[in-house]
Amino acid sequence: MLPVAQSIQLAYDPAITPSGGGLPGLFVLRQVIGSVNLFCLIAVVGALAVSAGVWAWGHHSGGHQAEANGKKGVLVSAGAALLLGAANGVVSFFSSLGAQV
């Protein structure tokens, strides 16, 4: 057993933190990612509208499978919209949580 004064450092801390101005093109990358997020939100609105239409059509025509698929599509679209809207918050939360480790 080692004495307290002779402890061995088992892990190395590289002391690397995210930096905002390290690479060129960071502003352009943020714009591209923001545009992709907007495109995905617009696609989710379309998917939600189509799924709601399938749900209504299945309900009124007696098609139980179509009604179930419409409900599933509405839930998936709503979940996707939730995750796309909360993307910055989710990443920020887990990044700060990871910094505490």
Protein backbone atom coordinates (compact mmCIF):
# COMPACT_ATOMS: atom_id res chain seq x y z
CA MET A 1 0.00 0.00 0.00
CA LEU A 2 1.31 3.44 -0.94
CA PRO A 3 1.64 6.21 1.61
CA VAL A 4 -0.62 9.24 1.19
CA ALA A 5 2.27 11.47 0.03
CA GLN A 6 3.14 9.09 -2.84
CA SER A 7 -0.22 8.89 -4.58
CA ILE A 8 -0.23 8.06 -8.27
CA GLN A 9 -2.13 10.25 -10.72
CA LEU A 10 -4.34 7.77 -12.59
CA ALA A 11 -6.06 10.21 -14.95
CA TYR A 12 -4.70 13.15 -16.92
CA ASP A 13 -6.72 16.33 -17.33
CA PRO A 14 -5.92 17.85 -20.75
CA ALA A 15 -7.65 21.15 -19.77
CA ILE A 16 -9.40 21.52 -23.14
CA THR A 17 -12.51 23.70 -23.28
CA PRO A 18 -14.68 24.68 -26.25
CA SER A 19 -13.48 27.86 -27.94
CA GLY A 20 -15.65 30.08 -30.12
CA GLY A 21 -13.01 31.55 -32.40
CA GLY A 22 -10.67 28.64 -33.03
CA LEU A 23 -11.57 27.64 -36.59
CA PRO A 24 -12.54 29.69 -39.62
CA GLY A 25 -16.04 29.15 -40.93
CA LEU A 26 -17.70 28.69 -37.55
CA PHE A 27 -20.25 31.41 -38.33
CA VAL A 28 -21.11 29.73 -41.65
CA LEU A 29 -21.46 26.35 -39.94
CA ARG A 30 -23.87 27.85 -37.41
CA GLN A 31 -25.94 29.31 -40.26
CA VAL A 32 -26.01 25.97 -42.07
CA ILE A 33 -27.08 24.08 -38.95
CA GLY A 34 -29.75 26.70 -38.22
CA SER A 35 -31.06 26.36 -41.78
CA VAL A 36 -31.13 22.56 -41.50
CA ASN A 37 -33.06 22.89 -38.24
CA LEU A 38 -35.58 25.21 -39.92
CA PHE A 39 -35.93 22.85 -42.90
CA CYS A 40 -36.58 19.94 -40.54
CA LEU A 41 -39.20 21.94 -38.62
CA ILE A 42 -41.00 22.74 -41.88
CA ALA A 43 -40.88 19.05 -42.85
CA VAL A 44 -42.33 18.12 -39.44
CA VAL A 45 -45.23 20.53 -39.97
CA GLY A 46 -45.96 18.80 -43.27
CA ALA A 47 -45.69 15.35 -41.69
CA LEU A 48 -48.01 16.43 -38.89
CA ALA A 49 -50.60 17.70 -41.38
CA VAL A 50 -50.45 14.51 -43.46
CA SER A 51 -50.63 12.31 -40.36
CA ALA A 52 -53.62 14.23 -39.01
CA GLY A 53 -55.33 13.83 -42.39
CA VAL A 54 -54.67 10.07 -42.40
CA TRP A 55 -55.96 9.84 -38.84
CA ALA A 56 -59.18 11.68 -39.74
CA TRP A 57 -59.66 9.71 -42.96
CA GLY A 58 -59.12 6.42 -41.14
CA HIS A 59 -61.54 7.40 -38.40
CA HIS A 60 -64.33 8.46 -40.74
CA SER A 61 -63.93 5.61 -43.22
CA GLY A 62 -63.67 2.87 -40.62
CA GLY A 63 -60.07 2.04 -41.48
CA HIS A 64 -58.65 1.14 -38.11
CA GLN A 65 -55.15 0.53 -39.46
CA ALA A 66 -55.06 3.94 -41.15
CA GLU A 67 -56.38 5.57 -38.00
CA ALA A 68 -53.68 3.90 -35.89
CA ASN A 69 -50.97 4.91 -38.38
CA GLY A 70 -52.25 8.49 -38.37
CA LYS A 71 -52.12 8.62 -34.58
CA LYS A 72 -48.62 7.20 -34.62
CA GLY A 73 -47.53 9.77 -37.21
CA VAL A 74 -48.96 12.63 -35.17
CA LEU A 75 -47.11 11.46 -32.06
CA VAL A 76 -43.83 10.99 -33.93
CA SER A 77 -44.18 14.41 -35.56
CA ALA A 78 -44.92 16.06 -32.24
CA GLY A 79 -41.91 14.34 -30.66
CA ALA A 80 -39.67 15.39 -33.53
CA ALA A 81 -40.87 19.00 -33.22
CA LEU A 82 -40.20 18.88 -29.48
CA LEU A 83 -36.65 17.61 -29.98
CA LEU A 84 -35.87 20.03 -32.81
CA GLY A 85 -37.14 22.98 -30.79
CA ALA A 86 -35.27 21.90 -27.67
CA ALA A 87 -32.02 20.93 -29.44
CA ASN A 88 -30.00 23.88 -28.09
CA GLY A 89 -31.26 23.35 -24.56
CA VAL A 90 -30.66 19.59 -24.62
CA VAL A 91 -27.10 19.97 -25.90
CA SER A 92 -26.40 22.78 -23.43
CA PHE A 93 -27.78 20.71 -20.53
CA PHE A 94 -25.70 17.64 -21.29
CA SER A 95 -22.61 19.72 -22.06
CA SER A 96 -22.78 21.42 -18.67
CA LEU A 97 -23.51 18.06 -17.05
CA GLY A 98 -20.45 16.57 -18.76
CA ALA A 99 -18.29 19.46 -17.58
CA GLN A 100 -19.11 18.56 -13.98
CA VAL A 101 -17.72 15.03 -14.30
